[in-house]
Amino acid sequence: MALLGLTNIQVYKVLSANQIGEMVYEQTRTNLNAGQEYSFTWDGTVNNEGSFALSGRYKVKVVTTDFPQWPISADVVVRNTIDSEQFDISERISNSNQTIPSQKIRLMQTYLTDMELYEEEITGQYNEEFLMSVIAYEAMINKWSTQVAVDIYRNHNAYLPEDGTISDRLLHFAYTD
């Protein structure tokens, strides 16, 4: 069986739909048998930094020195699930009630009630249960929703922030659910 030359596996940060950023990871393999399938696992670490890649879109590119004209590329999405910040619930509720129109809050309360994710009165105001219901819904659809996956891959949008903030995008997902 023929052996391939060097095979480089590179991971790049995607900046926008048409722009690739810096390379964050590289691995070189040698003496791979041609015509066989191989797998590659990236644990999310960034070369020479010892840190993990930030949440976002990345492009994996596989190139062999024997056939550089036929690179293989694939998109991947990194979603870090470690809490990066703590927040004060009372402050978050107060800020949300001041900055998010009550009609949007009322609409989201209605949608979450219909989905049986919120059981309190529909008031058009944030309270602790509503905030936690919105965060739970954001986390749930980030992980399981086909709508979110399509929105990320086709439209190059980010995952929803899991902070309880009502956006038009979140309202759209809740409406269709």
Protein backbone atom coordinates (compact mmCIF):
# COMPACT_ATOMS: atom_id res chain seq x y z
CA MET A 1 0.00 0.00 0.00
CA ALA A 2 1.32 3.46 -0.90
CA LEU A 3 2.29 5.89 1.82
CA LEU A 4 1.34 9.56 1.73
CA GLY A 5 3.89 12.27 2.39
CA LEU A 6 3.23 14.76 5.17
CA THR A 7 -0.38 15.41 6.12
CA ASN A 8 -1.06 18.71 7.84
CA ILE A 9 -4.20 19.25 9.89
CA GLN A 10 -4.82 22.92 10.61
CA VAL A 11 -7.61 24.66 12.53
CA TYR A 12 -8.37 28.32 11.78
CA LYS A 13 -10.68 30.77 13.54
CA VAL A 14 -13.50 31.94 11.23
CA LEU A 15 -13.94 35.72 11.46
CA SER A 16 -16.84 36.09 9.04
CA ALA A 17 -18.54 34.27 6.18
CA ASN A 18 -15.65 35.05 3.81
CA GLN A 19 -12.74 35.65 6.15
CA ILE A 20 -10.51 33.11 7.89
CA GLY A 21 -8.43 34.31 10.82
CA GLU A 22 -5.32 33.00 12.48
CA MET A 23 -4.39 29.35 12.74
CA VAL A 24 -5.05 28.19 16.30
CA TYR A 25 -3.94 24.55 16.02
CA GLU A 26 -1.75 22.43 13.77
CA GLN A 27 -0.86 18.76 13.73
CA THR A 28 1.38 16.97 11.23
CA ARG A 29 1.11 13.26 10.53
CA THR A 30 3.54 11.15 8.54
CA ASN A 31 3.51 7.73 6.89
CA LEU A 32 -0.26 7.41 6.52
CA ASN A 33 -1.46 4.68 4.19
CA ALA A 34 -3.24 5.97 1.09
CA GLY A 35 -6.81 4.77 0.63
CA GLN A 36 -7.57 4.34 4.33
CA GLU A 37 -9.86 6.38 6.54
CA TYR A 38 -8.41 8.27 9.48
CA SER A 39 -9.99 10.29 12.24
CA PHE A 40 -8.83 13.43 13.93
CA THR A 41 -9.80 14.74 17.35
CA TRP A 42 -9.05 18.27 18.50
CA ASP A 43 -9.53 18.92 22.20
CA GLY A 44 -9.90 22.66 21.67
CA THR A 45 -6.47 23.68 22.94
CA VAL A 46 -4.70 26.53 21.19
CA ASN A 47 -1.11 25.90 20.02
CA ASN A 48 1.61 27.32 22.23
CA GLU A 49 -0.82 28.96 24.64
CA GLY A 50 -2.12 26.19 26.85
CA SER A 51 -5.59 27.76 26.71
CA PHE A 52 -8.78 26.62 25.05
CA ALA A 53 -10.28 28.10 21.89
CA LEU A 54 -13.03 30.63 22.42
CA SER A 55 -16.59 29.77 21.48
CA GLY A 56 -17.19 30.33 17.79
CA ARG A 57 -16.75 28.92 14.29
CA TYR A 58 -13.56 27.25 13.13
CA LYS A 59 -12.41 25.72 9.85
CA VAL A 60 -10.43 22.48 9.84
CA LYS A 61 -8.20 22.10 6.79
CA VAL A 62 -6.41 18.86 5.87
CA VAL A 63 -3.67 19.06 3.24
CA THR A 64 -1.21 16.41 2.08
CA THR A 65 2.09 17.28 0.46
CA ASP A 66 1.32 14.68 -2.23
CA PHE A 67 -1.95 16.37 -3.27
CA PRO A 68 -1.93 20.00 -2.05
CA GLN A 69 -4.34 20.96 -4.84
CA TRP A 70 -7.11 18.93 -3.14
CA PRO A 71 -7.37 20.13 0.44
CA ILE A 72 -10.24 18.89 2.57
CA SER A 73 -12.07 21.47 4.70
CA ALA A 74 -14.78 21.21 7.32
CA ASP A 75 -16.53 23.69 9.57
CA VAL A 76 -16.74 23.07 13.30
CA VAL A 77 -18.33 25.07 16.08
CA VAL A 78 -16.76 25.32 19.51
CA ARG A 79 -19.12 25.95 22.39
CA ASN A 80 -17.43 26.44 25.75
CA THR A 81 -19.76 25.55 28.57
CA ILE A 82 -17.70 26.77 31.50
CA ASP A 83 -19.26 29.79 33.17
CA SER A 84 -17.06 32.77 32.41
CA GLU A 85 -18.82 35.13 34.75
CA GLN A 86 -21.18 35.25 37.66
CA PHE A 87 -23.99 37.77 37.72
CA ASP A 88 -26.19 39.34 40.35
CA ILE A 89 -29.77 38.15 39.71
CA SER A 90 -31.42 41.24 41.23
CA GLU A 91 -29.26 43.53 39.13
CA ARG A 92 -29.94 41.48 35.99
CA ILE A 93 -33.72 41.58 36.61
CA SER A 94 -33.68 45.33 37.25
CA ASN A 95 -31.55 46.03 34.18
CA SER A 96 -33.72 43.80 31.96
CA ASN A 97 -36.92 45.50 33.12
CA GLN A 98 -35.39 48.89 32.26
CA THR A 99 -33.93 48.00 28.86
CA ILE A 100 -36.28 45.40 27.34
CA PRO A 101 -39.75 46.61 26.30
CA SER A 102 -42.55 45.07 28.38
CA GLN A 103 -44.34 43.93 25.19
CA LYS A 104 -41.33 41.74 24.31
CA ILE A 105 -41.20 40.40 27.86
CA ARG A 106 -44.94 39.65 27.78
CA LEU A 107 -44.58 37.89 24.40
CA MET A 108 -41.67 35.76 25.66
CA GLN A 109 -43.59 34.93 28.84
CA THR A 110 -46.50 33.77 26.67
CA TYR A 111 -44.28 31.60 24.45
CA LEU A 112 -42.52 30.02 27.44
CA THR A 113 -45.88 29.40 29.12
CA ASP A 114 -47.14 27.66 25.98
CA MET A 115 -44.00 25.48 26.03
CA GLU A 116 -44.56 24.80 29.75
CA LEU A 117 -41.23 26.38 30.66
CA TYR A 118 -42.75 29.26 32.66
CA GLU A 119 -45.63 28.94 35.12
CA GLU A 120 -45.99 32.38 36.70
CA GLU A 121 -48.35 35.20 35.75
CA ILE A 122 -47.73 36.99 32.44
CA THR A 123 -46.87 40.52 33.63
CA GLY A 124 -44.50 41.99 31.07
CA GLN A 125 -41.87 42.23 33.82
CA TYR A 126 -38.85 40.08 34.64
CA ASN A 127 -38.80 38.14 37.89
CA GLU A 128 -36.37 35.47 39.05
CA GLU A 129 -38.37 32.53 37.67
CA PHE A 130 -38.80 34.20 34.29
CA LEU A 131 -35.09 35.04 34.05
CA MET A 132 -34.18 31.42 34.83
CA SER A 133 -36.79 30.18 32.32
CA VAL A 134 -35.29 32.33 29.55
CA ILE A 135 -31.76 31.16 30.38
CA ALA A 136 -32.92 27.52 30.42
CA TYR A 137 -34.63 27.98 27.05
CA GLU A 138 -31.50 29.59 25.56
CA ALA A 139 -29.32 26.74 26.84
CA MET A 140 -31.79 24.13 25.58
CA ILE A 141 -32.06 25.48 22.03
CA ASN A 142 -28.31 26.17 21.79
CA LYS A 143 -27.75 22.48 22.39
CA TRP A 144 -30.72 20.82 20.69
CA SER A 145 -32.40 23.15 18.19
CA THR A 146 -32.07 22.50 14.48
CA GLN A 147 -33.12 26.13 13.93
CA VAL A 148 -30.12 27.41 15.87
CA ALA A 149 -27.77 24.99 14.10
CA VAL A 150 -29.00 26.15 10.68
CA ASP A 151 -28.75 29.80 11.77
CA ILE A 152 -25.14 29.25 12.86
CA TYR A 153 -24.00 27.34 9.77
CA ARG A 154 -25.93 29.15 7.04
CA ASN A 155 -26.06 32.67 8.43
CA HIS A 156 -22.79 32.57 10.38
CA ASN A 157 -24.51 33.75 13.57
CA ALA A 158 -23.21 32.93 17.02
CA TYR A 159 -24.90 30.80 19.61
CA LEU A 160 -27.46 32.62 21.71
CA PRO A 161 -25.98 34.15 24.84
CA GLU A 162 -27.27 32.22 27.82
CA ASP A 163 -27.86 35.33 29.90
CA GLY A 164 -31.65 35.71 29.89
CA THR A 165 -31.73 38.67 27.51
CA ILE A 166 -34.68 38.71 25.10
CA SER A 167 -33.66 39.52 21.52
CA ASP A 168 -35.69 39.51 18.32
CA ARG A 169 -33.79 36.38 17.30
CA LEU A 170 -34.74 34.60 20.52
CA LEU A 171 -38.37 35.68 20.12
CA HIS A 172 -38.37 34.26 16.58
CA PHE A 173 -37.10 30.88 17.80
CA ALA A 174 -39.65 30.83 20.65
CA TYR A 175 -42.46 31.77 18.25
CA THR A 176 -41.63 28.89 15.90
CA ASP A 177 -41.23 26.43 18.77
